[in-house]
Amino acid sequence: MNKTITAEILQECLDIHKDRDKQYGSSEKSFKEIADIANSLLMEEGSRTATDIAICMIATKLHRYQFAIQNTDLPNREKVIHDSLIDCINYLAIMENIRINRNNKKF
């Protein structure tokens, strides 16, 4: 069976996700802690969730992706497009992990 570009992208996402979890710890736990920091900075305890953080990160990556698509003279444009897409896919997967773990009462 030939390896598809889709499979390569998903494998890259998985590899990056595993590396980041080794570097920073569980992504779901990190997003919860980021939400706690955001709540502290905004002085609104409990108003931001790990899912909210995932949505913000997805929005950031989609903006960078869109910006790179529209700006053909951007340095390292192809890398920015690719990296933004990979990161966005990973943040979507993290958001789903958060939902599943919340339903299973792990968060």
PDB file of N, CA and C in Angstrom:
ATOM      1  N   MET A   1       0.845  -1.187   0.000  1.00  0.00           N
ATOM      2  CA  MET A   1       0.000   0.000   0.000  1.00  0.00           C
ATOM      3  C   MET A   1       0.883   1.240   0.000  1.00  0.00           C
ATOM      4  N   ASN A   2       0.587   2.167  -0.888  1.00  0.00           N
ATOM      5  CA  ASN A   2       1.345   3.404  -0.965  1.00  0.00           C
ATOM      6  C   ASN A   2       0.971   4.344   0.165  1.00  0.00           C
ATOM      7  N   LYS A   3       1.968   4.988   0.697  1.00  0.00           N
ATOM      8  CA  LYS A   3       1.733   5.961   1.755  1.00  0.00           C
ATOM      9  C   LYS A   3       1.204   7.239   1.114  1.00  0.00           C
ATOM     10  N   THR A   4       0.150   7.779   1.640  1.00  0.00           N
ATOM     11  CA  THR A   4      -0.437   8.989   1.081  1.00  0.00           C
ATOM     12  C   THR A   4       0.084  10.224   1.802  1.00  0.00           C
ATOM     13  N   ILE A   5      -0.115  11.369   1.179  1.00  0.00           N
ATOM     14  CA  ILE A   5       0.257  12.628   1.825  1.00  0.00           C
ATOM     15  C   ILE A   5      -0.519  12.775   3.129  1.00  0.00           C
ATOM     16  N   THR A   6      -1.789  12.380   3.123  1.00  0.00           N
ATOM     17  CA  THR A   6      -2.604  12.444   4.338  1.00  0.00           C
ATOM     18  C   THR A   6      -1.977  11.625   5.457  1.00  0.00           C
ATOM     19  N   ALA A   7      -1.553  10.426   5.150  1.00  0.00           N
ATOM     20  CA  ALA A   7      -0.924   9.570   6.163  1.00  0.00           C
ATOM     21  C   ALA A   7       0.366  10.197   6.675  1.00  0.00           C
ATOM     22  N   GLU A   8       1.133  10.797   5.774  1.00  0.00           N
ATOM     23  CA  GLU A   8       2.375  11.457   6.177  1.00  0.00           C
ATOM     24  C   GLU A   8       2.092  12.637   7.106  1.00  0.00           C
ATOM     25  N   ILE A   9       1.071  13.416   6.776  1.00  0.00           N
ATOM     26  CA  ILE A   9       0.699  14.564   7.608  1.00  0.00           C
ATOM     27  C   ILE A   9       0.263  14.083   8.991  1.00  0.00           C
ATOM     28  N   LEU A  10      -0.586  13.066   9.024  1.00  0.00           N
ATOM     29  CA  LEU A  10      -1.070  12.556  10.311  1.00  0.00           C
ATOM     30  C   LEU A  10       0.066  11.944  11.126  1.00  0.00           C
ATOM     31  N   GLN A  11       0.995  11.269  10.477  1.00  0.00           N
ATOM     32  CA  GLN A  11       2.143  10.708  11.186  1.00  0.00           C
ATOM     33  C   GLN A  11       3.006  11.836  11.756  1.00  0.00           C
ATOM     34  N   GLU A  12       3.211  12.886  10.980  1.00  0.00           N
ATOM     35  CA  GLU A  12       3.975  14.035  11.470  1.00  0.00           C
ATOM     36  C   GLU A  12       3.276  14.661  12.677  1.00  0.00           C
ATOM     37  N   CYS A  13       1.957  14.788  12.608  1.00  0.00           N
ATOM     38  CA  CYS A  13       1.186  15.318  13.742  1.00  0.00           C
ATOM     39  C   CYS A  13       1.404  14.465  14.982  1.00  0.00           C
ATOM     40  N   LEU A  14       1.313  13.163  14.809  1.00  0.00           N
ATOM     41  CA  LEU A  14       1.493  12.249  15.932  1.00  0.00           C
ATOM     42  C   LEU A  14       2.898  12.363  16.515  1.00  0.00           C
ATOM     43  N   ASP A  15       3.897  12.423  15.654  1.00  0.00           N
ATOM     44  CA  ASP A  15       5.280  12.540  16.121  1.00  0.00           C
ATOM     45  C   ASP A  15       5.492  13.839  16.900  1.00  0.00           C
ATOM     46  N   ILE A  16       4.978  14.939  16.381  1.00  0.00           N
ATOM     47  CA  ILE A  16       5.123  16.233  17.056  1.00  0.00           C
ATOM     48  C   ILE A  16       4.388  16.218  18.383  1.00  0.00           C
ATOM     49  N   HIS A  17       3.175  15.656  18.387  1.00  0.00           N
ATOM     50  CA  HIS A  17       2.399  15.603  19.631  1.00  0.00           C
ATOM     51  C   HIS A  17       3.145  14.801  20.703  1.00  0.00           C
ATOM     52  N   LYS A  18       3.695  13.666  20.323  1.00  0.00           N
ATOM     53  CA  LYS A  18       4.454  12.850  21.279  1.00  0.00           C
ATOM     54  C   LYS A  18       5.672  13.611  21.800  1.00  0.00           C
ATOM     55  N   ASP A  19       6.377  14.310  20.902  1.00  0.00           N
ATOM     56  CA  ASP A  19       7.546  15.097  21.322  1.00  0.00           C
ATOM     57  C   ASP A  19       7.153  16.200  22.301  1.00  0.00           C
ATOM     58  N   ARG A  20       6.066  16.885  22.014  1.00  0.00           N
ATOM     59  CA  ARG A  20       5.631  17.983  22.897  1.00  0.00           C
ATOM     60  C   ARG A  20       5.172  17.449  24.256  1.00  0.00           C
ATOM     61  N   ASP A  21       4.498  16.312  24.251  1.00  0.00           N
ATOM     62  CA  ASP A  21       4.092  15.719  25.532  1.00  0.00           C
ATOM     63  C   ASP A  21       5.312  15.332  26.361  1.00  0.00           C
ATOM     64  N   LYS A  22       6.368  14.848  25.695  1.00  0.00           N
ATOM     65  CA  LYS A  22       7.606  14.535  26.423  1.00  0.00           C
ATOM     66  C   LYS A  22       8.253  15.806  26.960  1.00  0.00           C
ATOM     67  N   GLN A  23       8.217  16.880  26.160  1.00  0.00           N
ATOM     68  CA  GLN A  23       8.834  18.140  26.550  1.00  0.00           C
ATOM     69  C   GLN A  23       8.075  18.844  27.662  1.00  0.00           C
ATOM     70  N   TYR A  24       6.755  18.932  27.521  1.00  0.00           N
ATOM     71  CA  TYR A  24       5.952  19.784  28.384  1.00  0.00           C
ATOM     72  C   TYR A  24       4.963  19.043  29.266  1.00  0.00           C
ATOM     73  N   GLY A  25       4.864  17.742  29.123  1.00  0.00           N
ATOM     74  CA  GLY A  25       3.869  16.985  29.870  1.00  0.00           C
ATOM     75  C   GLY A  25       2.576  16.876  29.062  1.00  0.00           C
ATOM     76  N   SER A  26       1.598  16.232  29.644  1.00  0.00           N
ATOM     77  CA  SER A  26       0.308  16.002  28.993  1.00  0.00           C
ATOM     78  C   SER A  26      -0.276  17.286  28.427  1.00  0.00           C
ATOM     79  N   SER A  27      -0.647  17.255  27.147  1.00  0.00           N
ATOM     80  CA  SER A  27      -1.207  18.457  26.521  1.00  0.00           C
ATOM     81  C   SER A  27      -2.525  18.862  27.168  1.00  0.00           C
ATOM     82  N   GLU A  28      -3.340  17.882  27.532  1.00  0.00           N
ATOM     83  CA  GLU A  28      -4.609  18.209  28.170  1.00  0.00           C
ATOM     84  C   GLU A  28      -4.373  18.913  29.510  1.00  0.00           C
ATOM     85  N   LYS A  29      -3.431  18.407  30.290  1.00  0.00           N
ATOM     86  CA  LYS A  29      -3.096  19.029  31.579  1.00  0.00           C
ATOM     87  C   LYS A  29      -2.515  20.419  31.352  1.00  0.00           C
ATOM     88  N   SER A  30      -1.666  20.566  30.338  1.00  0.00           N
ATOM     89  CA  SER A  30      -1.083  21.869  30.029  1.00  0.00           C
ATOM     90  C   SER A  30      -2.164  22.881  29.672  1.00  0.00           C
ATOM     91  N   PHE A  31      -3.151  22.471  28.873  1.00  0.00           N
ATOM     92  CA  PHE A  31      -4.216  23.399  28.488  1.00  0.00           C
ATOM     93  C   PHE A  31      -5.043  23.809  29.696  1.00  0.00           C
ATOM     94  N   LYS A  32      -5.263  22.890  30.626  1.00  0.00           N
ATOM     95  CA  LYS A  32      -5.972  23.226  31.873  1.00  0.00           C
ATOM     96  C   LYS A  32      -5.168  24.259  32.655  1.00  0.00           C
ATOM     97  N   GLU A  33      -3.855  24.045  32.738  1.00  0.00           N
ATOM     98  CA  GLU A  33      -2.999  24.984  33.476  1.00  0.00           C
ATOM     99  C   GLU A  33      -2.934  26.336  32.775  1.00  0.00           C
ATOM    100  N   ILE A  34      -2.906  26.343  31.444  1.00  0.00           N
ATOM    101  CA  ILE A  34      -2.930  27.600  30.690  1.00  0.00           C
ATOM    102  C   ILE A  34      -4.239  28.338  30.966  1.00  0.00           C
ATOM    103  N   ALA A  35      -5.348  27.604  31.015  1.00  0.00           N
ATOM    104  CA  ALA A  35      -6.642  28.215  31.333  1.00  0.00           C
ATOM    105  C   ALA A  35      -6.607  28.843  32.723  1.00  0.00           C
ATOM    106  N   ASP A  36      -5.995  28.148  33.680  1.00  0.00           N
ATOM    107  CA  ASP A  36      -5.870  28.705  35.034  1.00  0.00           C
ATOM    108  C   ASP A  36      -5.062  29.999  35.027  1.00  0.00           C
ATOM    109  N   ILE A  37      -3.972  30.020  34.254  1.00  0.00           N
ATOM    110  CA  ILE A  37      -3.152  31.234  34.154  1.00  0.00           C
ATOM    111  C   ILE A  37      -3.953  32.360  33.495  1.00  0.00           C
ATOM    112  N   ALA A  38      -4.662  32.048  32.416  1.00  0.00           N
ATOM    113  CA  ALA A  38      -5.476  33.056  31.736  1.00  0.00           C
ATOM    114  C   ALA A  38      -6.529  33.618  32.672  1.00  0.00           C
ATOM    115  N   ASN A  39      -7.171  32.751  33.441  1.00  0.00           N
ATOM    116  CA  ASN A  39      -8.172  33.216  34.404  1.00  0.00           C
ATOM    117  C   ASN A  39      -7.546  34.131  35.440  1.00  0.00           C
ATOM    118  N   SER A  40      -6.353  33.784  35.893  1.00  0.00           N
ATOM    119  CA  SER A  40      -5.649  34.592  36.877  1.00  0.00           C
ATOM    120  C   SER A  40      -5.301  35.962  36.295  1.00  0.00           C
ATOM    121  N   LEU A  41      -4.785  35.974  35.086  1.00  0.00           N
ATOM    122  CA  LEU A  41      -4.416  37.242  34.446  1.00  0.00           C
ATOM    123  C   LEU A  41      -5.635  38.120  34.193  1.00  0.00           C
ATOM    124  N   LEU A  42      -6.740  37.487  33.851  1.00  0.00           N
ATOM    125  CA  LEU A  42      -7.965  38.225  33.568  1.00  0.00           C
ATOM    126  C   LEU A  42      -8.783  38.483  34.822  1.00  0.00           C
ATOM    127  N   MET A  43      -8.320  37.932  35.929  1.00  0.00           N
ATOM    128  CA  MET A  43      -8.982  38.074  37.225  1.00  0.00           C
ATOM    129  C   MET A  43     -10.438  37.636  37.162  1.00  0.00           C
ATOM    130  N   GLU A  44     -10.682  36.582  36.415  1.00  0.00           N
ATOM    131  CA  GLU A  44     -12.021  36.002  36.293  1.00  0.00           C
ATOM    132  C   GLU A  44     -11.909  34.509  36.550  1.00  0.00           C
ATOM    133  N   GLU A  45     -11.810  34.122  37.778  1.00  0.00           N
ATOM    134  CA  GLU A  45     -11.570  32.727  38.123  1.00  0.00           C
ATOM    135  C   GLU A  45     -12.613  31.805  37.508  1.00  0.00           C
ATOM    136  N   GLY A  46     -12.117  30.763  36.882  1.00  0.00           N
ATOM    137  CA  GLY A  46     -12.977  29.696  36.385  1.00  0.00           C
ATOM    138  C   GLY A  46     -13.708  29.981  35.097  1.00  0.00           C
ATOM    139  N   SER A  47     -13.484  31.125  34.467  1.00  0.00           N
ATOM    140  CA  SER A  47     -14.276  31.429  33.278  1.00  0.00           C
ATOM    141  C   SER A  47     -13.689  30.832  32.002  1.00  0.00           C
ATOM    142  N   ARG A  48     -12.396  30.498  31.976  1.00  0.00           N
ATOM    143  CA  ARG A  48     -11.768  29.881  30.815  1.00  0.00           C
ATOM    144  C   ARG A  48     -11.518  28.403  31.098  1.00  0.00           C
ATOM    145  N   THR A  49     -11.700  27.586  30.082  1.00  0.00           N
ATOM    146  CA  THR A  49     -11.497  26.144  30.226  1.00  0.00           C
ATOM    147  C   THR A  49     -10.381  25.689  29.296  1.00  0.00           C
ATOM    148  N   ALA A  50      -9.959  24.454  29.466  1.00  0.00           N
ATOM    149  CA  ALA A  50      -8.956  23.873  28.576  1.00  0.00           C
ATOM    150  C   ALA A  50      -9.461  23.866  27.136  1.00  0.00           C
ATOM    151  N   THR A  51     -10.749  23.631  26.948  1.00  0.00           N
ATOM    152  CA  THR A  51     -11.335  23.664  25.609  1.00  0.00           C
ATOM    153  C   THR A  51     -11.246  25.065  25.018  1.00  0.00           C
ATOM    154  N   ASP A  52     -11.498  26.087  25.830  1.00  0.00           N
ATOM    155  CA  ASP A  52     -11.373  27.475  25.363  1.00  0.00           C
ATOM    156  C   ASP A  52      -9.951  27.753  24.871  1.00  0.00           C
ATOM    157  N   ILE A  53      -8.963  27.239  25.601  1.00  0.00           N
ATOM    158  CA  ILE A  53      -7.570  27.441  25.212  1.00  0.00           C
ATOM    159  C   ILE A  53      -7.301  26.746  23.884  1.00  0.00           C
ATOM    160  N   ALA A  54      -7.805  25.531  23.722  1.00  0.00           N
ATOM    161  CA  ALA A  54      -7.635  24.818  22.450  1.00  0.00           C
ATOM    162  C   ALA A  54      -8.246  25.616  21.300  1.00  0.00           C
ATOM    163  N   ILE A  55      -9.426  26.168  21.516  1.00  0.00           N
ATOM    164  CA  ILE A  55     -10.092  26.969  20.481  1.00  0.00           C
ATOM    165  C   ILE A  55      -9.253  28.198  20.138  1.00  0.00           C
ATOM    166  N   CYS A  56      -8.688  28.844  21.137  1.00  0.00           N
ATOM    167  CA  CYS A  56      -7.825  30.006  20.889  1.00  0.00           C
ATOM    168  C   CYS A  56      -6.590  29.613  20.086  1.00  0.00           C
ATOM    169  N   MET A  57      -5.997  28.481  20.417  1.00  0.00           N
ATOM    170  CA  MET A  57      -4.810  28.025  19.694  1.00  0.00           C
ATOM    171  C   MET A  57      -5.166  27.662  18.249  1.00  0.00           C
ATOM    172  N   ILE A  58      -6.308  27.038  18.053  1.00  0.00           N
ATOM    173  CA  ILE A  58      -6.769  26.703  16.699  1.00  0.00           C
ATOM    174  C   ILE A  58      -6.980  27.987  15.906  1.00  0.00           C
ATOM    175  N   ALA A  59      -7.617  28.970  16.516  1.00  0.00           N
ATOM    176  CA  ALA A  59      -7.851  30.253  15.845  1.00  0.00           C
ATOM    177  C   ALA A  59      -6.530  30.923  15.463  1.00  0.00           C
ATOM    178  N   THR A  60      -5.552  30.862  16.371  1.00  0.00           N
ATOM    179  CA  THR A  60      -4.238  31.444  16.087  1.00  0.00           C
ATOM    180  C   THR A  60      -3.605  30.768  14.878  1.00  0.00           C
ATOM    181  N   LYS A  61      -3.630  29.452  14.852  1.00  0.00           N
ATOM    182  CA  LYS A  61      -3.008  28.720  13.748  1.00  0.00           C
ATOM    183  C   LYS A  61      -3.756  28.929  12.434  1.00  0.00           C
ATOM    184  N   LEU A  62      -5.086  29.007  12.483  1.00  0.00           N
ATOM    185  CA  LEU A  62      -5.852  29.275  11.266  1.00  0.00           C
ATOM    186  C   LEU A  62      -5.552  30.674  10.735  1.00  0.00           C
ATOM    187  N   HIS A  63      -5.378  31.628  11.634  1.00  0.00           N
ATOM    188  CA  HIS A  63      -5.019  32.987  11.212  1.00  0.00           C
ATOM    189  C   HIS A  63      -3.651  32.992  10.541  1.00  0.00           C
ATOM    190  N   ARG A  64      -2.677  32.315  11.148  1.00  0.00           N
ATOM    191  CA  ARG A  64      -1.332  32.262  10.559  1.00  0.00           C
ATOM    192  C   ARG A  64      -1.363  31.560   9.198  1.00  0.00           C
ATOM    193  N   TYR A  65      -2.135  30.500   9.110  1.00  0.00           N
ATOM    194  CA  TYR A  65      -2.289  29.771   7.850  1.00  0.00           C
ATOM    195  C   TYR A  65      -2.865  30.695   6.775  1.00  0.00           C
ATOM    196  N   GLN A  66      -3.959  31.371   7.110  1.00  0.00           N
ATOM    197  CA  GLN A  66      -4.625  32.275   6.173  1.00  0.00           C
ATOM    198  C   GLN A  66      -3.693  33.428   5.768  1.00  0.00           C
ATOM    199  N   PHE A  67      -2.978  33.985   6.740  1.00  0.00           N
ATOM    200  CA  PHE A  67      -2.046  35.069   6.472  1.00  0.00           C
ATOM    201  C   PHE A  67      -0.973  34.611   5.480  1.00  0.00           C
ATOM    202  N   ALA A  68      -0.420  33.436   5.695  1.00  0.00           N
ATOM    203  CA  ALA A  68       0.624  32.915   4.819  1.00  0.00           C
ATOM    204  C   ALA A  68       0.089  32.626   3.417  1.00  0.00           C
ATOM    205  N   ILE A  69      -1.113  32.100   3.327  1.00  0.00           N
ATOM    206  CA  ILE A  69      -1.730  31.828   2.021  1.00  0.00           C
ATOM    207  C   ILE A  69      -1.879  33.138   1.237  1.00  0.00           C
ATOM    208  N   GLN A  70      -2.291  34.196   1.922  1.00  0.00           N
ATOM    209  CA  GLN A  70      -2.567  35.476   1.261  1.00  0.00           C
ATOM    210  C   GLN A  70      -1.315  36.298   0.969  1.00  0.00           C
ATOM    211  N   ASN A  71      -0.212  36.012   1.634  1.00  0.00           N
ATOM    212  CA  ASN A  71       1.007  36.800   1.477  1.00  0.00           C
ATOM    213  C   ASN A  71       2.085  35.966   0.800  1.00  0.00           C
ATOM    214  N   THR A  72       2.081  36.022  -0.519  1.00  0.00           N
ATOM    215  CA  THR A  72       2.964  35.171  -1.305  1.00  0.00           C
ATOM    216  C   THR A  72       4.442  35.527  -1.160  1.00  0.00           C
ATOM    217  N   ASP A  73       4.746  36.719  -0.657  1.00  0.00           N
ATOM    218  CA  ASP A  73       6.146  37.117  -0.480  1.00  0.00           C
ATOM    219  C   ASP A  73       6.653  36.873   0.948  1.00  0.00           C
ATOM    220  N   LEU A  74       5.866  36.221   1.772  1.00  0.00           N
ATOM    221  CA  LEU A  74       6.253  35.935   3.155  1.00  0.00           C
ATOM    222  C   LEU A  74       7.481  35.024   3.188  1.00  0.00           C
ATOM    223  N   PRO A  75       8.522  35.414   3.945  1.00  0.00           N
ATOM    224  CA  PRO A  75       9.681  34.516   4.063  1.00  0.00           C
ATOM    225  C   PRO A  75       9.260  33.175   4.682  1.00  0.00           C
ATOM    226  N   ASN A  76       9.811  32.103   4.185  1.00  0.00           N
ATOM    227  CA  ASN A  76       9.509  30.750   4.672  1.00  0.00           C
ATOM    228  C   ASN A  76       8.019  30.421   4.582  1.00  0.00           C
ATOM    229  N   ARG A  77       7.352  30.970   3.595  1.00  0.00           N
ATOM    230  CA  ARG A  77       5.899  30.836   3.448  1.00  0.00           C
ATOM    231  C   ARG A  77       5.428  29.381   3.479  1.00  0.00           C
ATOM    232  N   GLU A  78       6.069  28.512   2.715  1.00  0.00           N
ATOM    233  CA  GLU A  78       5.641  27.109   2.663  1.00  0.00           C
ATOM    234  C   GLU A  78       5.779  26.438   4.026  1.00  0.00           C
ATOM    235  N   LYS A  79       6.832  26.759   4.750  1.00  0.00           N
ATOM    236  CA  LYS A  79       7.026  26.200   6.099  1.00  0.00           C
ATOM    237  C   LYS A  79       5.951  26.717   7.054  1.00  0.00           C
ATOM    238  N   VAL A  80       5.650  28.009   6.987  1.00  0.00           N
ATOM    239  CA  VAL A  80       4.610  28.592   7.848  1.00  0.00           C
ATOM    240  C   VAL A  80       3.264  27.934   7.559  1.00  0.00           C
ATOM    241  N   ILE A  81       2.941  27.761   6.286  1.00  0.00           N
ATOM    242  CA  ILE A  81       1.677  27.120   5.907  1.00  0.00           C
ATOM    243  C   ILE A  81       1.629  25.699   6.464  1.00  0.00           C
ATOM    244  N   HIS A  82       2.676  24.937   6.216  1.00  0.00           N
ATOM    245  CA  HIS A  82       2.710  23.535   6.664  1.00  0.00           C
ATOM    246  C   HIS A  82       2.665  23.440   8.192  1.00  0.00           C
ATOM    247  N   ASP A  83       3.527  24.185   8.871  1.00  0.00           N
ATOM    248  CA  ASP A  83       3.581  24.119  10.339  1.00  0.00           C
ATOM    249  C   ASP A  83       2.266  24.554  10.968  1.00  0.00           C
ATOM    250  N   SER A  84       1.636  25.582  10.412  1.00  0.00           N
ATOM    251  CA  SER A  84       0.351  26.051  10.953  1.00  0.00           C
ATOM    252  C   SER A  84      -0.719  24.983  10.812  1.00  0.00           C
ATOM    253  N   LEU A  85      -0.731  24.310   9.680  1.00  0.00           N
ATOM    254  CA  LEU A  85      -1.704  23.242   9.457  1.00  0.00           C
ATOM    255  C   LEU A  85      -1.463  22.073  10.403  1.00  0.00           C
ATOM    256  N   ILE A  86      -0.215  21.658  10.563  1.00  0.00           N
ATOM    257  CA  ILE A  86       0.118  20.552  11.468  1.00  0.00           C
ATOM    258  C   ILE A  86      -0.292  20.900  12.897  1.00  0.00           C
ATOM    259  N   ASP A  87       0.059  22.102  13.337  1.00  0.00           N
ATOM    260  CA  ASP A  87      -0.303  22.527  14.692  1.00  0.00           C
ATOM    261  C   ASP A  87      -1.812  22.569  14.882  1.00  0.00           C
ATOM    262  N   CYS A  88      -2.533  23.070  13.893  1.00  0.00           N
ATOM    263  CA  CYS A  88      -3.994  23.145  13.984  1.00  0.00           C
ATOM    264  C   CYS A  88      -4.605  21.752  14.138  1.00  0.00           C
ATOM    265  N   ILE A  89      -4.129  20.813  13.354  1.00  0.00           N
ATOM    266  CA  ILE A  89      -4.622  19.428  13.455  1.00  0.00           C
ATOM    267  C   ILE A  89      -4.367  18.886  14.860  1.00  0.00           C
ATOM    268  N   ASN A  90      -3.178  19.129  15.383  1.00  0.00           N
ATOM    269  CA  ASN A  90      -2.868  18.651  16.735  1.00  0.00           C
ATOM    270  C   ASN A  90      -3.762  19.310  17.782  1.00  0.00           C
ATOM    271  N   TYR A  91      -4.009  20.609  17.656  1.00  0.00           N
ATOM    272  CA  TYR A  91      -4.881  21.281  18.627  1.00  0.00           C
ATOM    273  C   TYR A  91      -6.309  20.756  18.546  1.00  0.00           C
ATOM    274  N   LEU A  92      -6.776  20.411  17.344  1.00  0.00           N
ATOM    275  CA  LEU A  92      -8.098  19.791  17.215  1.00  0.00           C
ATOM    276  C   LEU A  92      -8.135  18.445  17.933  1.00  0.00           C
ATOM    277  N   ALA A  93      -7.063  17.659  17.778  1.00  0.00           N
ATOM    278  CA  ALA A  93      -6.994  16.357  18.458  1.00  0.00           C
ATOM    279  C   ALA A  93      -6.949  16.537  19.973  1.00  0.00           C
ATOM    280  N   ILE A  94      -6.196  17.528  20.438  1.00  0.00           N
ATOM    281  CA  ILE A  94      -6.136  17.809  21.877  1.00  0.00           C
ATOM    282  C   ILE A  94      -7.517  18.192  22.390  1.00  0.00           C
ATOM    283  N   MET A  95      -8.221  19.025  21.643  1.00  0.00           N
ATOM    284  CA  MET A  95      -9.566  19.437  22.060  1.00  0.00           C
ATOM    285  C   MET A  95     -10.490  18.223  22.190  1.00  0.00           C
ATOM    286  N   GLU A  96     -10.383  17.288  21.269  1.00  0.00           N
ATOM    287  CA  GLU A  96     -11.202  16.066  21.356  1.00  0.00           C
ATOM    288  C   GLU A  96     -10.782  15.217  22.547  1.00  0.00           C
ATOM    289  N   ASN A  97      -9.478  15.130  22.823  1.00  0.00           N
ATOM    290  CA  ASN A  97      -9.018  14.402  24.010  1.00  0.00           C
ATOM    291  C   ASN A  97      -9.583  15.020  25.277  1.00  0.00           C
ATOM    292  N   ILE A  98      -9.605  16.334  25.337  1.00  0.00           N
ATOM    293  CA  ILE A  98     -10.161  17.029  26.504  1.00  0.00           C
ATOM    294  C   ILE A  98     -11.636  16.663  26.678  1.00  0.00           C
ATOM    295  N   ARG A  99     -12.386  16.676  25.578  1.00  0.00           N
ATOM    296  CA  ARG A  99     -13.813  16.343  25.642  1.00  0.00           C
ATOM    297  C   ARG A  99     -14.018  14.906  26.119  1.00  0.00           C
ATOM    298  N   ILE A 100     -13.261  13.986  25.544  1.00  0.00           N
ATOM    299  CA  ILE A 100     -13.399  12.575  25.926  1.00  0.00           C
ATOM    300  C   ILE A 100     -13.024  12.381  27.389  1.00  0.00           C
ATOM    301  N   ASN A 101     -11.914  12.961  27.797  1.00  0.00           N
ATOM    302  CA  ASN A 101     -11.483  12.820  29.195  1.00  0.00           C
ATOM    303  C   ASN A 101     -12.454  13.474  30.160  1.00  0.00           C
ATOM    304  N   ARG A 102     -13.047  14.586  29.765  1.00  0.00           N
ATOM    305  CA  ARG A 102     -14.038  15.240  30.608  1.00  0.00           C
ATOM    306  C   ARG A 102     -15.250  14.342  30.771  1.00  0.00           C
ATOM    307  N   ASN A 103     -15.680  13.699  29.663  1.00  0.00           N
ATOM    308  CA  ASN A 103     -16.808  12.771  29.728  1.00  0.00           C
ATOM    309  C   ASN A 103     -16.496  11.548  30.560  1.00  0.00           C
ATOM    310  N   ASN A 104     -15.219  11.166  30.601  1.00  0.00           N
ATOM    311  CA  ASN A 104     -14.791  10.036  31.413  1.00  0.00           C
ATOM    312  C   ASN A 104     -14.332  10.485  32.804  1.00  0.00           C
ATOM    313  N   LYS A 105     -14.547  11.761  33.123  1.00  0.00           N
ATOM    314  CA  LYS A 105     -14.251  12.350  34.443  1.00  0.00           C
ATOM    315  C   LYS A 105     -12.773  12.369  34.783  1.00  0.00           C
ATOM    316  N   LYS A 106     -11.886  12.451  33.751  1.00  0.00           N
ATOM    317  CA  LYS A 106     -10.452  12.554  34.032  1.00  0.00           C
ATOM    318  C   LYS A 106     -10.031  14.004  34.229  1.00  0.00           C
ATOM    319  N   PHE A 107     -10.880  14.953  33.790  1.00  0.00           N
ATOM    320  CA  PHE A 107     -10.587  16.374  33.983  1.00  0.00           C
ATOM    321  C   PHE A 107     -11.735  17.039  34.673  1.00  0.00           C
TER     322      PHE A 107
END
